[in-house]
Amino acid sequence: MDGEHTQLCFWRIDGGAKGSYMHKHDDHEQLGIIFRGALDFRIGREDTEERSYLKTGDVYIAPKGIWHGDSIFIGDEELDECWILDVFSPPREDLRQSNG
């Protein structure tokens, strides 16, 4: 869902999936909410080895320029999925919904 100044992206990711290489957004702030399952990832300096483990109900924020990623998605017991709602501000053009 795209607004003028914010964007919501809802992700349903299979448990055990890996992805989201270490990256940062120079022009976007990102806030994430874990709705189902859990997320094991790194956030902070590009070279940090420290991992954060977020469970259902936890929230993370990656302000502009903050490195995050190297994610492992942990599925819940019912669906073996991890559900995350990401909020970006301003919206990312590469994620915008097409109106066609």
C-alpha atoms as a PDB file:
ATOM      1  CA  MET A   1       0.000   0.000   0.000  1.00  0.00           C
ATOM      2  CA  ASP A   2       1.498   3.271  -1.131  1.00  0.00           C
ATOM      3  CA  GLY A   3       0.849   6.671   0.339  1.00  0.00           C
ATOM      4  CA  GLU A   4       2.408   9.990  -0.480  1.00  0.00           C
ATOM      5  CA  HIS A   5       4.917   9.817   2.394  1.00  0.00           C
ATOM      6  CA  THR A   6       4.717   6.213   3.669  1.00  0.00           C
ATOM      7  CA  GLN A   7       4.519   2.730   2.232  1.00  0.00           C
ATOM      8  CA  LEU A   8       3.350  -0.544   3.795  1.00  0.00           C
ATOM      9  CA  CYS A   9       4.732  -3.876   2.573  1.00  0.00           C
ATOM     10  CA  PHE A  10       3.368  -7.147   3.962  1.00  0.00           C
ATOM     11  CA  TRP A  11       5.623 -10.174   3.563  1.00  0.00           C
ATOM     12  CA  ARG A  12       4.737 -13.865   4.036  1.00  0.00           C
ATOM     13  CA  ILE A  13       8.026 -15.768   4.088  1.00  0.00           C
ATOM     14  CA  ASP A  14       8.549 -19.514   4.413  1.00  0.00           C
ATOM     15  CA  GLY A  15      10.150 -20.666   7.647  1.00  0.00           C
ATOM     16  CA  GLY A  16      13.823 -21.485   7.166  1.00  0.00           C
ATOM     17  CA  ALA A  17      14.214 -19.035   4.286  1.00  0.00           C
ATOM     18  CA  LYS A  18      17.366 -16.951   4.258  1.00  0.00           C
ATOM     19  CA  GLY A  19      17.844 -13.692   2.506  1.00  0.00           C
ATOM     20  CA  SER A  20      18.037  -9.982   2.795  1.00  0.00           C
ATOM     21  CA  TYR A  21      21.788  -9.453   2.422  1.00  0.00           C
ATOM     22  CA  MET A  22      23.340  -6.724   4.583  1.00  0.00           C
ATOM     23  CA  HIS A  23      22.202  -3.421   3.136  1.00  0.00           C
ATOM     24  CA  LYS A  24      21.163   0.096   4.089  1.00  0.00           C
ATOM     25  CA  HIS A  25      18.759   2.675   2.763  1.00  0.00           C
ATOM     26  CA  ASP A  26      20.310   6.108   2.399  1.00  0.00           C
ATOM     27  CA  ASP A  27      16.990   7.773   1.585  1.00  0.00           C
ATOM     28  CA  HIS A  28      14.442   5.645   3.474  1.00  0.00           C
ATOM     29  CA  GLU A  29      13.606   4.872   7.071  1.00  0.00           C
ATOM     30  CA  GLN A  30      12.283   1.330   7.656  1.00  0.00           C
ATOM     31  CA  LEU A  31      10.206   0.057  10.541  1.00  0.00           C
ATOM     32  CA  GLY A  32       9.230  -3.607  10.782  1.00  0.00           C
ATOM     33  CA  ILE A  33       6.677  -5.459  12.908  1.00  0.00           C
ATOM     34  CA  ILE A  34       6.783  -9.252  13.307  1.00  0.00           C
ATOM     35  CA  PHE A  35       3.215 -10.626  13.132  1.00  0.00           C
ATOM     36  CA  ARG A  36       3.890 -14.366  12.938  1.00  0.00           C
ATOM     37  CA  GLY A  37       7.007 -16.457  13.453  1.00  0.00           C
ATOM     38  CA  ALA A  38      10.342 -14.813  14.213  1.00  0.00           C
ATOM     39  CA  LEU A  39      13.264 -13.015  12.587  1.00  0.00           C
ATOM     40  CA  ASP A  40      16.947 -13.629  13.292  1.00  0.00           C
ATOM     41  CA  PHE A  41      19.031 -10.886  11.663  1.00  0.00           C
ATOM     42  CA  ARG A  42      21.833  -8.368  12.047  1.00  0.00           C
ATOM     43  CA  ILE A  43      21.294  -4.633  12.464  1.00  0.00           C
ATOM     44  CA  GLY A  44      23.847  -1.916  13.165  1.00  0.00           C
ATOM     45  CA  ARG A  45      27.335  -1.500  11.741  1.00  0.00           C
ATOM     46  CA  GLU A  46      28.029  -3.188   8.417  1.00  0.00           C
ATOM     47  CA  ASP A  47      30.604  -5.474  10.028  1.00  0.00           C
ATOM     48  CA  THR A  48      28.593  -6.397  13.135  1.00  0.00           C
ATOM     49  CA  GLU A  49      28.422 -10.099  13.892  1.00  0.00           C
ATOM     50  CA  GLU A  50      25.851  -9.563  16.664  1.00  0.00           C
ATOM     51  CA  ARG A  51      22.456 -11.008  15.780  1.00  0.00           C
ATOM     52  CA  SER A  52      19.037  -9.858  16.961  1.00  0.00           C
ATOM     53  CA  TYR A  53      16.208 -12.328  17.489  1.00  0.00           C
ATOM     54  CA  LEU A  54      12.729 -10.851  17.176  1.00  0.00           C
ATOM     55  CA  LYS A  55       9.576 -12.806  17.933  1.00  0.00           C
ATOM     56  CA  THR A  56       5.911 -12.174  17.225  1.00  0.00           C
ATOM     57  CA  GLY A  57       4.961  -8.692  18.434  1.00  0.00           C
ATOM     58  CA  ASP A  58       8.496  -7.305  18.323  1.00  0.00           C
ATOM     59  CA  VAL A  59       9.385  -4.226  16.289  1.00  0.00           C
ATOM     60  CA  TYR A  60      12.616  -3.005  14.708  1.00  0.00           C
ATOM     61  CA  ILE A  61      13.622   0.294  13.170  1.00  0.00           C
ATOM     62  CA  ALA A  62      16.359   0.898  10.631  1.00  0.00           C
ATOM     63  CA  PRO A  63      16.823   4.653  10.272  1.00  0.00           C
ATOM     64  CA  LYS A  64      18.420   6.032   7.120  1.00  0.00           C
ATOM     65  CA  GLY A  65      21.948   4.726   6.706  1.00  0.00           C
ATOM     66  CA  ILE A  66      21.686   1.864   9.248  1.00  0.00           C
ATOM     67  CA  TRP A  67      22.897  -1.539   8.015  1.00  0.00           C
ATOM     68  CA  HIS A  68      20.512  -4.483   8.397  1.00  0.00           C
ATOM     69  CA  GLY A  69      19.903  -7.893   6.861  1.00  0.00           C
ATOM     70  CA  ASP A  70      21.559 -11.319   6.772  1.00  0.00           C
ATOM     71  CA  SER A  71      18.110 -12.559   7.754  1.00  0.00           C
ATOM     72  CA  ILE A  72      16.907 -15.993   8.759  1.00  0.00           C
ATOM     73  CA  PHE A  73      13.117 -16.271   8.837  1.00  0.00           C
ATOM     74  CA  ILE A  74      11.679 -18.622  11.461  1.00  0.00           C
ATOM     75  CA  GLY A  75       8.246 -20.025  10.744  1.00  0.00           C
ATOM     76  CA  ASP A  76       5.479 -20.355  13.309  1.00  0.00           C
ATOM     77  CA  GLU A  77       4.108 -23.741  14.412  1.00  0.00           C
ATOM     78  CA  GLU A  78       0.836 -23.475  12.484  1.00  0.00           C
ATOM     79  CA  LEU A  79       1.870 -22.348   8.979  1.00  0.00           C
ATOM     80  CA  ASP A  80       5.672 -22.469   9.155  1.00  0.00           C
ATOM     81  CA  GLU A  81       5.698 -18.843   7.961  1.00  0.00           C
ATOM     82  CA  CYS A  82       7.133 -15.548   9.128  1.00  0.00           C
ATOM     83  CA  TRP A  83       4.860 -12.548   8.563  1.00  0.00           C
ATOM     84  CA  ILE A  84       6.386  -9.079   8.604  1.00  0.00           C
ATOM     85  CA  LEU A  85       4.840  -5.682   7.970  1.00  0.00           C
ATOM     86  CA  ASP A  86       7.467  -3.169   6.829  1.00  0.00           C
ATOM     87  CA  VAL A  87       6.807   0.560   6.763  1.00  0.00           C
ATOM     88  CA  PHE A  88       9.034   2.725   4.567  1.00  0.00           C
ATOM     89  CA  SER A  89       9.213   6.506   4.615  1.00  0.00           C
ATOM     90  CA  PRO A  90       9.403   7.932   2.058  1.00  0.00           C
ATOM     91  CA  PRO A  91       8.027   5.168  -0.208  1.00  0.00           C
ATOM     92  CA  ARG A  92      10.534   3.107  -2.200  1.00  0.00           C
ATOM     93  CA  GLU A  93       9.965   3.420  -5.923  1.00  0.00           C
ATOM     94  CA  ASP A  94      11.219  -0.142  -6.521  1.00  0.00           C
ATOM     95  CA  LEU A  95       8.388  -1.476  -4.323  1.00  0.00           C
ATOM     96  CA  ARG A  96       5.567   0.761  -5.556  1.00  0.00           C
ATOM     97  CA  GLN A  97       2.398  -0.955  -6.786  1.00  0.00           C
ATOM     98  CA  SER A  98       1.744  -0.421 -10.471  1.00  0.00           C
ATOM     99  CA  ASN A  99      -1.608   1.089 -11.291  1.00  0.00           C
ATOM    100  CA  GLY A 100      -1.964  -0.953 -14.501  1.00  0.00           C
END
